[in-house]
Amino acid sequence: MEFLWSQSTPKRSFDIWHGVGAGAISRASIINSLHWLRDLGFLSETTKTGKGGHRGLYTAAKTKEEIIDIVRHSVYEQLDHDFDVQVEPN
């Protein structure tokens, strides 16, 4: 997400893979993560066609602050559900 937040234009999975360090993680892991983040609503994907078929172009759909709030709220809800503890976010 940090890489996409730093970009001004949509990026392909290949660009993101290189942007986060191609040697440190497999491209398949990047693609799976992109699809998961898209399904969560954290990323937007548009499709571009050309030689070789369809390509997804990804942009951040949420700001860093929005994602932090979503995750914080989810953790608080899970704590309340699992342990019956009322936790108020600050």
PDB file of N, CA and C in Angstrom:
ATOM      1  N   MET A   1       0.823  -1.177   0.000  1.00  0.00           N
ATOM      2  CA  MET A   1       0.000   0.000   0.000  1.00  0.00           C
ATOM      3  C   MET A   1       0.876   1.252   0.000  1.00  0.00           C
ATOM      4  N   GLU A   2       1.974   1.223   0.752  1.00  0.00           N
ATOM      5  CA  GLU A   2       2.861   2.396   0.785  1.00  0.00           C
ATOM      6  C   GLU A   2       3.332   2.747  -0.624  1.00  0.00           C
ATOM      7  N   PHE A   3       3.665   1.730  -1.406  1.00  0.00           N
ATOM      8  CA  PHE A   3       4.123   1.978  -2.774  1.00  0.00           C
ATOM      9  C   PHE A   3       3.028   2.655  -3.586  1.00  0.00           C
ATOM     10  N   LEU A   4       1.809   2.152  -3.517  1.00  0.00           N
ATOM     11  CA  LEU A   4       0.716   2.735  -4.300  1.00  0.00           C
ATOM     12  C   LEU A   4       0.365   4.138  -3.820  1.00  0.00           C
ATOM     13  N   TRP A   5       0.427   4.379  -2.514  1.00  0.00           N
ATOM     14  CA  TRP A   5       0.156   5.724  -2.012  1.00  0.00           C
ATOM     15  C   TRP A   5       1.179   6.729  -2.530  1.00  0.00           C
ATOM     16  N   SER A   6       2.387   6.254  -2.821  1.00  0.00           N
ATOM     17  CA  SER A   6       3.440   7.163  -3.285  1.00  0.00           C
ATOM     18  C   SER A   6       3.385   7.422  -4.795  1.00  0.00           C
ATOM     19  N   GLN A   7       2.484   6.740  -5.506  1.00  0.00           N
ATOM     20  CA  GLN A   7       2.399   6.850  -6.955  1.00  0.00           C
ATOM     21  C   GLN A   7       1.267   7.779  -7.385  1.00  0.00           C
ATOM     22  N   SER A   8       1.485   8.476  -8.475  1.00  0.00           N
ATOM     23  CA  SER A   8       0.444   9.387  -8.969  1.00  0.00           C
ATOM     24  C   SER A   8      -0.391   8.777 -10.091  1.00  0.00           C
ATOM     25  N   THR A   9       0.042   7.631 -10.613  1.00  0.00           N
ATOM     26  CA  THR A   9      -0.691   6.981 -11.700  1.00  0.00           C
ATOM     27  C   THR A   9      -0.950   5.514 -11.340  1.00  0.00           C
ATOM     28  N   PRO A  10      -1.978   4.893 -11.921  1.00  0.00           N
ATOM     29  CA  PRO A  10      -2.243   3.473 -11.680  1.00  0.00           C
ATOM     30  C   PRO A  10      -1.045   2.618 -12.094  1.00  0.00           C
ATOM     31  N   LYS A  11      -0.854   1.513 -11.383  1.00  0.00           N
ATOM     32  CA  LYS A  11       0.291   0.630 -11.642  1.00  0.00           C
ATOM     33  C   LYS A  11      -0.156  -0.796 -11.890  1.00  0.00           C
ATOM     34  N   ARG A  12       0.603  -1.482 -12.762  1.00  0.00           N
ATOM     35  CA  ARG A  12       0.386  -2.902 -13.028  1.00  0.00           C
ATOM     36  C   ARG A  12       1.008  -3.723 -11.900  1.00  0.00           C
ATOM     37  N   SER A  13       0.595  -4.976 -11.786  1.00  0.00           N
ATOM     38  CA  SER A  13       1.160  -5.852 -10.762  1.00  0.00           C
ATOM     39  C   SER A  13       2.672  -5.961 -10.931  1.00  0.00           C
ATOM     40  N   PHE A  14       3.146  -5.979 -12.157  1.00  0.00           N
ATOM     41  CA  PHE A  14       4.581  -6.055 -12.429  1.00  0.00           C
ATOM     42  C   PHE A  14       5.310  -4.846 -11.850  1.00  0.00           C
ATOM     43  N   ASP A  15       4.745  -3.653 -12.036  1.00  0.00           N
ATOM     44  CA  ASP A  15       5.342  -2.429 -11.493  1.00  0.00           C
ATOM     45  C   ASP A  15       5.364  -2.457  -9.966  1.00  0.00           C
ATOM     46  N   ILE A  16       4.285  -2.934  -9.387  1.00  0.00           N
ATOM     47  CA  ILE A  16       4.187  -3.009  -7.930  1.00  0.00           C
ATOM     48  C   ILE A  16       5.194  -4.013  -7.399  1.00  0.00           C
ATOM     49  N   TRP A  17       5.312  -5.139  -8.064  1.00  0.00           N
ATOM     50  CA  TRP A  17       6.278  -6.175  -7.682  1.00  0.00           C
ATOM     51  C   TRP A  17       7.687  -5.590  -7.645  1.00  0.00           C
ATOM     52  N   HIS A  18       8.051  -4.856  -8.680  1.00  0.00           N
ATOM     53  CA  HIS A  18       9.377  -4.226  -8.703  1.00  0.00           C
ATOM     54  C   HIS A  18       9.486  -3.112  -7.670  1.00  0.00           C
ATOM     55  N   GLY A  19       8.406  -2.401  -7.449  1.00  0.00           N
ATOM     56  CA  GLY A  19       8.417  -1.294  -6.497  1.00  0.00           C
ATOM     57  C   GLY A  19       8.611  -1.718  -5.051  1.00  0.00           C
ATOM     58  N   VAL A  20       8.156  -2.923  -4.716  1.00  0.00           N
ATOM     59  CA  VAL A  20       8.289  -3.398  -3.340  1.00  0.00           C
ATOM     60  C   VAL A  20       9.484  -4.327  -3.159  1.00  0.00           C
ATOM     61  N   GLY A  21      10.211  -4.591  -4.218  1.00  0.00           N
ATOM     62  CA  GLY A  21      11.403  -5.437  -4.120  1.00  0.00           C
ATOM     63  C   GLY A  21      11.161  -6.817  -4.680  1.00  0.00           C
ATOM     64  N   ALA A  22      11.346  -6.964  -5.988  1.00  0.00           N
ATOM     65  CA  ALA A  22      11.023  -8.204  -6.702  1.00  0.00           C
ATOM     66  C   ALA A  22      11.733  -9.422  -6.128  1.00  0.00           C
ATOM     67  N   GLY A  23      12.927  -9.257  -5.594  1.00  0.00           N
ATOM     68  CA  GLY A  23      13.656 -10.407  -5.073  1.00  0.00           C
ATOM     69  C   GLY A  23      13.157 -10.878  -3.716  1.00  0.00           C
ATOM     70  N   ALA A  24      12.418 -10.033  -3.018  1.00  0.00           N
ATOM     71  CA  ALA A  24      11.992 -10.350  -1.653  1.00  0.00           C
ATOM     72  C   ALA A  24      10.677 -11.112  -1.594  1.00  0.00           C
ATOM     73  N   ILE A  25       9.893 -11.072  -2.651  1.00  0.00           N
ATOM     74  CA  ILE A  25       8.558 -11.681  -2.642  1.00  0.00           C
ATOM     75  C   ILE A  25       8.226 -12.151  -4.058  1.00  0.00           C
ATOM     76  N   SER A  26       7.466 -13.229  -4.153  1.00  0.00           N
ATOM     77  CA  SER A  26       7.117 -13.733  -5.480  1.00  0.00           C
ATOM     78  C   SER A  26       6.049 -12.855  -6.121  1.00  0.00           C
ATOM     79  N   ARG A  27       6.045 -12.855  -7.430  1.00  0.00           N
ATOM     80  CA  ARG A  27       5.031 -12.076  -8.143  1.00  0.00           C
ATOM     81  C   ARG A  27       3.636 -12.639  -7.876  1.00  0.00           C
ATOM     82  N   ALA A  28       3.537 -13.957  -7.751  1.00  0.00           N
ATOM     83  CA  ALA A  28       2.240 -14.571  -7.453  1.00  0.00           C
ATOM     84  C   ALA A  28       1.705 -14.065  -6.119  1.00  0.00           C
ATOM     85  N   SER A  29       2.576 -13.890  -5.131  1.00  0.00           N
ATOM     86  CA  SER A  29       2.151 -13.357  -3.837  1.00  0.00           C
ATOM     87  C   SER A  29       1.649 -11.928  -3.975  1.00  0.00           C
ATOM     88  N   ILE A  30       2.314 -11.143  -4.814  1.00  0.00           N
ATOM     89  CA  ILE A  30       1.875  -9.770  -5.069  1.00  0.00           C
ATOM     90  C   ILE A  30       0.487  -9.779  -5.701  1.00  0.00           C
ATOM     91  N   ILE A  31       0.295 -10.588  -6.722  1.00  0.00           N
ATOM     92  CA  ILE A  31      -0.991 -10.655  -7.427  1.00  0.00           C
ATOM     93  C   ILE A  31      -2.098 -11.103  -6.475  1.00  0.00           C
ATOM     94  N   ASN A  32      -1.840 -12.137  -5.679  1.00  0.00           N
ATOM     95  CA  ASN A  32      -2.843 -12.605  -4.711  1.00  0.00           C
ATOM     96  C   ASN A  32      -3.178 -11.511  -3.702  1.00  0.00           C
ATOM     97  N   SER A  33      -2.159 -10.799  -3.228  1.00  0.00           N
ATOM     98  CA  SER A  33      -2.382  -9.716  -2.271  1.00  0.00           C
ATOM     99  C   SER A  33      -3.183  -8.575  -2.894  1.00  0.00           C
ATOM    100  N   LEU A  34      -2.877  -8.246  -4.141  1.00  0.00           N
ATOM    101  CA  LEU A  34      -3.611  -7.187  -4.834  1.00  0.00           C
ATOM    102  C   LEU A  34      -5.084  -7.543  -4.971  1.00  0.00           C
ATOM    103  N   HIS A  35      -5.364  -8.778  -5.338  1.00  0.00           N
ATOM    104  CA  HIS A  35      -6.762  -9.213  -5.483  1.00  0.00           C
ATOM    105  C   HIS A  35      -7.480  -9.181  -4.134  1.00  0.00           C
ATOM    106  N   TRP A  36      -6.803  -9.609  -3.073  1.00  0.00           N
ATOM    107  CA  TRP A  36      -7.390  -9.610  -1.734  1.00  0.00           C
ATOM    108  C   TRP A  36      -7.668  -8.177  -1.288  1.00  0.00           C
ATOM    109  N   LEU A  37      -6.702  -7.277  -1.491  1.00  0.00           N
ATOM    110  CA  LEU A  37      -6.887  -5.876  -1.103  1.00  0.00           C
ATOM    111  C   LEU A  37      -7.983  -5.209  -1.938  1.00  0.00           C
ATOM    112  N   ARG A  38      -8.083  -5.580  -3.199  1.00  0.00           N
ATOM    113  CA  ARG A  38      -9.173  -5.072  -4.049  1.00  0.00           C
ATOM    114  C   ARG A  38     -10.523  -5.543  -3.526  1.00  0.00           C
ATOM    115  N   ASP A  39     -10.612  -6.825  -3.174  1.00  0.00           N
ATOM    116  CA  ASP A  39     -11.865  -7.379  -2.667  1.00  0.00           C
ATOM    117  C   ASP A  39     -12.270  -6.740  -1.336  1.00  0.00           C
ATOM    118  N   LEU A  40     -11.298  -6.310  -0.555  1.00  0.00           N
ATOM    119  CA  LEU A  40     -11.580  -5.614   0.709  1.00  0.00           C
ATOM    120  C   LEU A  40     -11.982  -4.155   0.490  1.00  0.00           C
ATOM    121  N   GLY A  41     -11.779  -3.666  -0.728  1.00  0.00           N
ATOM    122  CA  GLY A  41     -12.115  -2.283  -1.033  1.00  0.00           C
ATOM    123  C   GLY A  41     -10.978  -1.306  -0.786  1.00  0.00           C
ATOM    124  N   PHE A  42      -9.776  -1.818  -0.502  1.00  0.00           N
ATOM    125  CA  PHE A  42      -8.626  -0.955  -0.251  1.00  0.00           C
ATOM    126  C   PHE A  42      -7.973  -0.492  -1.548  1.00  0.00           C
ATOM    127  N   LEU A  43      -8.170  -1.243  -2.628  1.00  0.00           N
ATOM    128  CA  LEU A  43      -7.617  -0.899  -3.941  1.00  0.00           C
ATOM    129  C   LEU A  43      -8.728  -0.792  -4.967  1.00  0.00           C
ATOM    130  N   SER A  44      -8.478   0.005  -5.990  1.00  0.00           N
ATOM    131  CA  SER A  44      -9.346   0.050  -7.170  1.00  0.00           C
ATOM    132  C   SER A  44      -8.573  -0.577  -8.319  1.00  0.00           C
ATOM    133  N   GLU A  45      -9.282  -1.323  -9.150  1.00  0.00           N
ATOM    134  CA  GLU A  45      -8.645  -1.948 -10.304  1.00  0.00           C
ATOM    135  C   GLU A  45      -9.412  -1.572 -11.561  1.00  0.00           C
ATOM    136  N   THR A  46      -8.679  -1.132 -12.553  1.00  0.00           N
ATOM    137  CA  THR A  46      -9.247  -0.945 -13.885  1.00  0.00           C
ATOM    138  C   THR A  46      -8.509  -1.904 -14.810  1.00  0.00           C
ATOM    139  N   THR A  47      -9.195  -2.328 -15.850  1.00  0.00           N
ATOM    140  CA  THR A  47      -8.611  -3.293 -16.772  1.00  0.00           C
ATOM    141  C   THR A  47      -8.228  -2.611 -18.068  1.00  0.00           C
ATOM    142  N   LYS A  48      -7.032  -2.913 -18.527  1.00  0.00           N
ATOM    143  CA  LYS A  48      -6.524  -2.395 -19.794  1.00  0.00           C
ATOM    144  C   LYS A  48      -6.235  -3.594 -20.693  1.00  0.00           C
ATOM    145  N   THR A  49      -6.645  -3.490 -21.944  1.00  0.00           N
ATOM    146  CA  THR A  49      -6.368  -4.574 -22.879  1.00  0.00           C
ATOM    147  C   THR A  49      -5.272  -4.136 -23.850  1.00  0.00           C
ATOM    148  N   GLY A  50      -4.551  -5.109 -24.302  1.00  0.00           N
ATOM    149  CA  GLY A  50      -3.475  -4.844 -25.251  1.00  0.00           C
ATOM    150  C   GLY A  50      -2.841  -6.154 -25.659  1.00  0.00           C
ATOM    151  N   LYS A  51      -1.641  -6.077 -26.204  1.00  0.00           N
ATOM    152  CA  LYS A  51      -0.938  -7.307 -26.558  1.00  0.00           C
ATOM    153  C   LYS A  51      -0.754  -8.153 -25.316  1.00  0.00           C
ATOM    154  N   GLY A  52      -1.066  -9.412 -25.436  1.00  0.00           N
ATOM    155  CA  GLY A  52      -0.924 -10.304 -24.295  1.00  0.00           C
ATOM    156  C   GLY A  52      -2.168 -10.414 -23.433  1.00  0.00           C
ATOM    157  N   GLY A  53      -3.218  -9.696 -23.765  1.00  0.00           N
ATOM    158  CA  GLY A  53      -4.474  -9.844 -23.031  1.00  0.00           C
ATOM    159  C   GLY A  53      -4.798  -8.692 -22.113  1.00  0.00           C
ATOM    160  N   HIS A  54      -5.475  -9.014 -21.030  1.00  0.00           N
ATOM    161  CA  HIS A  54      -5.972  -8.014 -20.079  1.00  0.00           C
ATOM    162  C   HIS A  54      -4.948  -7.786 -18.970  1.00  0.00           C
ATOM    163  N   ARG A  55      -4.832  -6.542 -18.560  1.00  0.00           N
ATOM    164  CA  ARG A  55      -3.949  -6.189 -17.459  1.00  0.00           C
ATOM    165  C   ARG A  55      -4.719  -5.334 -16.464  1.00  0.00           C
ATOM    166  N   GLY A  56      -4.534  -5.655 -15.182  1.00  0.00           N
ATOM    167  CA  GLY A  56      -5.145  -4.841 -14.144  1.00  0.00           C
ATOM    168  C   GLY A  56      -4.234  -3.673 -13.789  1.00  0.00           C
ATOM    169  N   LEU A  57      -4.826  -2.514 -13.639  1.00  0.00           N
ATOM    170  CA  LEU A  57      -4.105  -1.326 -13.184  1.00  0.00           C
ATOM    171  C   LEU A  57      -4.672  -0.956 -11.818  1.00  0.00           C
ATOM    172  N   TYR A  58      -3.805  -0.831 -10.833  1.00  0.00           N
ATOM    173  CA  TYR A  58      -4.236  -0.667  -9.448  1.00  0.00           C
ATOM    174  C   TYR A  58      -3.907   0.719  -8.906  1.00  0.00           C
ATOM    175  N   THR A  59      -4.835   1.252  -8.115  1.00  0.00           N
ATOM    176  CA  THR A  59      -4.624   2.494  -7.370  1.00  0.00           C
ATOM    177  C   THR A  59      -5.200   2.286  -5.974  1.00  0.00           C
ATOM    178  N   ALA A  60      -4.712   3.063  -5.042  1.00  0.00           N
ATOM    179  CA  ALA A  60      -5.236   2.991  -3.676  1.00  0.00           C
ATOM    180  C   ALA A  60      -6.628   3.609  -3.652  1.00  0.00           C
ATOM    181  N   ALA A  61      -7.588   2.879  -3.103  1.00  0.00           N
ATOM    182  CA  ALA A  61      -8.962   3.381  -2.990  1.00  0.00           C
ATOM    183  C   ALA A  61      -9.203   4.040  -1.638  1.00  0.00           C
ATOM    184  N   LYS A  62      -8.324   3.762  -0.694  1.00  0.00           N
ATOM    185  CA  LYS A  62      -8.442   4.317   0.663  1.00  0.00           C
ATOM    186  C   LYS A  62      -7.099   4.942   1.045  1.00  0.00           C
ATOM    187  N   THR A  63      -7.171   5.972   1.867  1.00  0.00           N
ATOM    188  CA  THR A  63      -5.953   6.582   2.392  1.00  0.00           C
ATOM    189  C   THR A  63      -5.407   5.711   3.522  1.00  0.00           C
ATOM    190  N   LYS A  64      -4.177   5.993   3.903  1.00  0.00           N
ATOM    191  CA  LYS A  64      -3.569   5.266   5.015  1.00  0.00           C
ATOM    192  C   LYS A  64      -4.405   5.437   6.286  1.00  0.00           C
ATOM    193  N   GLU A  65      -4.875   6.649   6.534  1.00  0.00           N
ATOM    194  CA  GLU A  65      -5.674   6.921   7.720  1.00  0.00           C
ATOM    195  C   GLU A  65      -6.989   6.146   7.697  1.00  0.00           C
ATOM    196  N   GLU A  66      -7.613   6.048   6.526  1.00  0.00           N
ATOM    197  CA  GLU A  66      -8.867   5.294   6.417  1.00  0.00           C
ATOM    198  C   GLU A  66      -8.643   3.817   6.706  1.00  0.00           C
ATOM    199  N   ILE A  67      -7.562   3.260   6.200  1.00  0.00           N
ATOM    200  CA  ILE A  67      -7.280   1.841   6.433  1.00  0.00           C
ATOM    201  C   ILE A  67      -6.966   1.594   7.902  1.00  0.00           C
ATOM    202  N   ILE A  68      -6.209   2.486   8.523  1.00  0.00           N
ATOM    203  CA  ILE A  68      -5.919   2.340   9.950  1.00  0.00           C
ATOM    204  C   ILE A  68      -7.219   2.343  10.748  1.00  0.00           C
ATOM    205  N   ASP A  69      -8.136   3.240  10.423  1.00  0.00           N
ATOM    206  CA  ASP A  69      -9.425   3.291  11.122  1.00  0.00           C
ATOM    207  C   ASP A  69     -10.233   2.014  10.913  1.00  0.00           C
ATOM    208  N   ILE A  70     -10.232   1.492   9.697  1.00  0.00           N
ATOM    209  CA  ILE A  70     -10.967   0.258   9.396  1.00  0.00           C
ATOM    210  C   ILE A  70     -10.400  -0.909  10.192  1.00  0.00           C
ATOM    211  N   VAL A  71      -9.082  -1.040  10.193  1.00  0.00           N
ATOM    212  CA  VAL A  71      -8.436  -2.144  10.917  1.00  0.00           C
ATOM    213  C   VAL A  71      -8.660  -1.991  12.420  1.00  0.00           C
ATOM    214  N   ARG A  72      -8.513  -0.779  12.937  1.00  0.00           N
ATOM    215  CA  ARG A  72      -8.728  -0.533  14.368  1.00  0.00           C
ATOM    216  C   ARG A  72     -10.158  -0.923  14.763  1.00  0.00           C
ATOM    217  N   HIS A  73     -11.121  -0.493  13.976  1.00  0.00           N
ATOM    218  CA  HIS A  73     -12.522  -0.808  14.268  1.00  0.00           C
ATOM    219  C   HIS A  73     -12.754  -2.325  14.228  1.00  0.00           C
ATOM    220  N   SER A  74     -12.164  -2.991  13.263  1.00  0.00           N
ATOM    221  CA  SER A  74     -12.317  -4.434  13.133  1.00  0.00           C
ATOM    222  C   SER A  74     -11.722  -5.170  14.337  1.00  0.00           C
ATOM    223  N   VAL A  75     -10.566  -4.723  14.792  1.00  0.00           N
ATOM    224  CA  VAL A  75      -9.927  -5.347  15.957  1.00  0.00           C
ATOM    225  C   VAL A  75     -10.799  -5.150  17.196  1.00  0.00           C
ATOM    226  N   TYR A  76     -11.312  -3.934  17.396  1.00  0.00           N
ATOM    227  CA  TYR A  76     -12.169  -3.663  18.550  1.00  0.00           C
ATOM    228  C   TYR A  76     -13.431  -4.523  18.516  1.00  0.00           C
ATOM    229  N   GLU A  77     -14.031  -4.647  17.342  1.00  0.00           N
ATOM    230  CA  GLU A  77     -15.231  -5.475  17.218  1.00  0.00           C
ATOM    231  C   GLU A  77     -14.924  -6.935  17.543  1.00  0.00           C
ATOM    232  N   GLN A  78     -13.784  -7.428  17.064  1.00  0.00           N
ATOM    233  CA  GLN A  78     -13.410  -8.820  17.307  1.00  0.00           C
ATOM    234  C   GLN A  78     -13.126  -9.062  18.790  1.00  0.00           C
ATOM    235  N   LEU A  79     -12.463  -8.106  19.454  1.00  0.00           N
ATOM    236  CA  LEU A  79     -12.223  -8.234  20.893  1.00  0.00           C
ATOM    237  C   LEU A  79     -13.542  -8.277  21.655  1.00  0.00           C
ATOM    238  N   ASP A  80     -14.448  -7.411  21.276  1.00  0.00           N
ATOM    239  CA  ASP A  80     -15.759  -7.384  21.926  1.00  0.00           C
ATOM    240  C   ASP A  80     -16.490  -8.708  21.714  1.00  0.00           C
ATOM    241  N   HIS A  81     -16.437  -9.225  20.508  1.00  0.00           N
ATOM    242  CA  HIS A  81     -17.120 -10.480  20.179  1.00  0.00           C
ATOM    243  C   HIS A  81     -16.494 -11.666  20.901  1.00  0.00           C
ATOM    244  N   ASP A  82     -15.164 -11.778  20.855  1.00  0.00           N
ATOM    245  CA  ASP A  82     -14.483 -12.948  21.401  1.00  0.00           C
ATOM    246  C   ASP A  82     -14.381 -12.942  22.929  1.00  0.00           C
ATOM    247  N   PHE A  83     -14.212 -11.763  23.509  1.00  0.00           N
ATOM    248  CA  PHE A  83     -13.942 -11.696  24.947  1.00  0.00           C
ATOM    249  C   PHE A  83     -14.984 -10.903  25.726  1.00  0.00           C
ATOM    250  N   ASP A  84     -16.015 -10.441  25.067  1.00  0.00           N
ATOM    251  CA  ASP A  84     -17.061  -9.631  25.691  1.00  0.00           C
ATOM    252  C   ASP A  84     -16.451  -8.463  26.471  1.00  0.00           C
ATOM    253  N   VAL A  85     -15.510  -7.788  25.816  1.00  0.00           N
ATOM    254  CA  VAL A  85     -14.825  -6.634  26.399  1.00  0.00           C
ATOM    255  C   VAL A  85     -15.182  -5.407  25.570  1.00  0.00           C
ATOM    256  N   GLN A  86     -15.676  -4.392  26.241  1.00  0.00           N
ATOM    257  CA  GLN A  86     -16.003  -3.160  25.538  1.00  0.00           C
ATOM    258  C   GLN A  86     -14.739  -2.303  25.452  1.00  0.00           C
ATOM    259  N   VAL A  87     -14.260  -2.113  24.254  1.00  0.00           N
ATOM    260  CA  VAL A  87     -13.070  -1.284  24.032  1.00  0.00           C
ATOM    261  C   VAL A  87     -13.519  -0.098  23.188  1.00  0.00           C
ATOM    262  N   GLU A  88     -13.214   1.081  23.668  1.00  0.00           N
ATOM    263  CA  GLU A  88     -13.577   2.299  22.943  1.00  0.00           C
ATOM    264  C   GLU A  88     -12.364   2.826  22.186  1.00  0.00           C
ATOM    265  N   PRO A  89     -12.487   3.003  20.880  1.00  0.00           N
ATOM    266  CA  PRO A  89     -11.379   3.572  20.126  1.00  0.00           C
ATOM    267  C   PRO A  89     -11.167   5.030  20.529  1.00  0.00           C
ATOM    268  N   ASN A  90      -9.882   5.456  20.567  1.00  0.00           N
ATOM    269  CA  ASN A  90      -9.613   6.868  20.885  1.00  0.00           C
ATOM    270  C   ASN A  90      -9.650   7.682  19.650  1.00  0.00           C
TER     271      ASN A  90
END
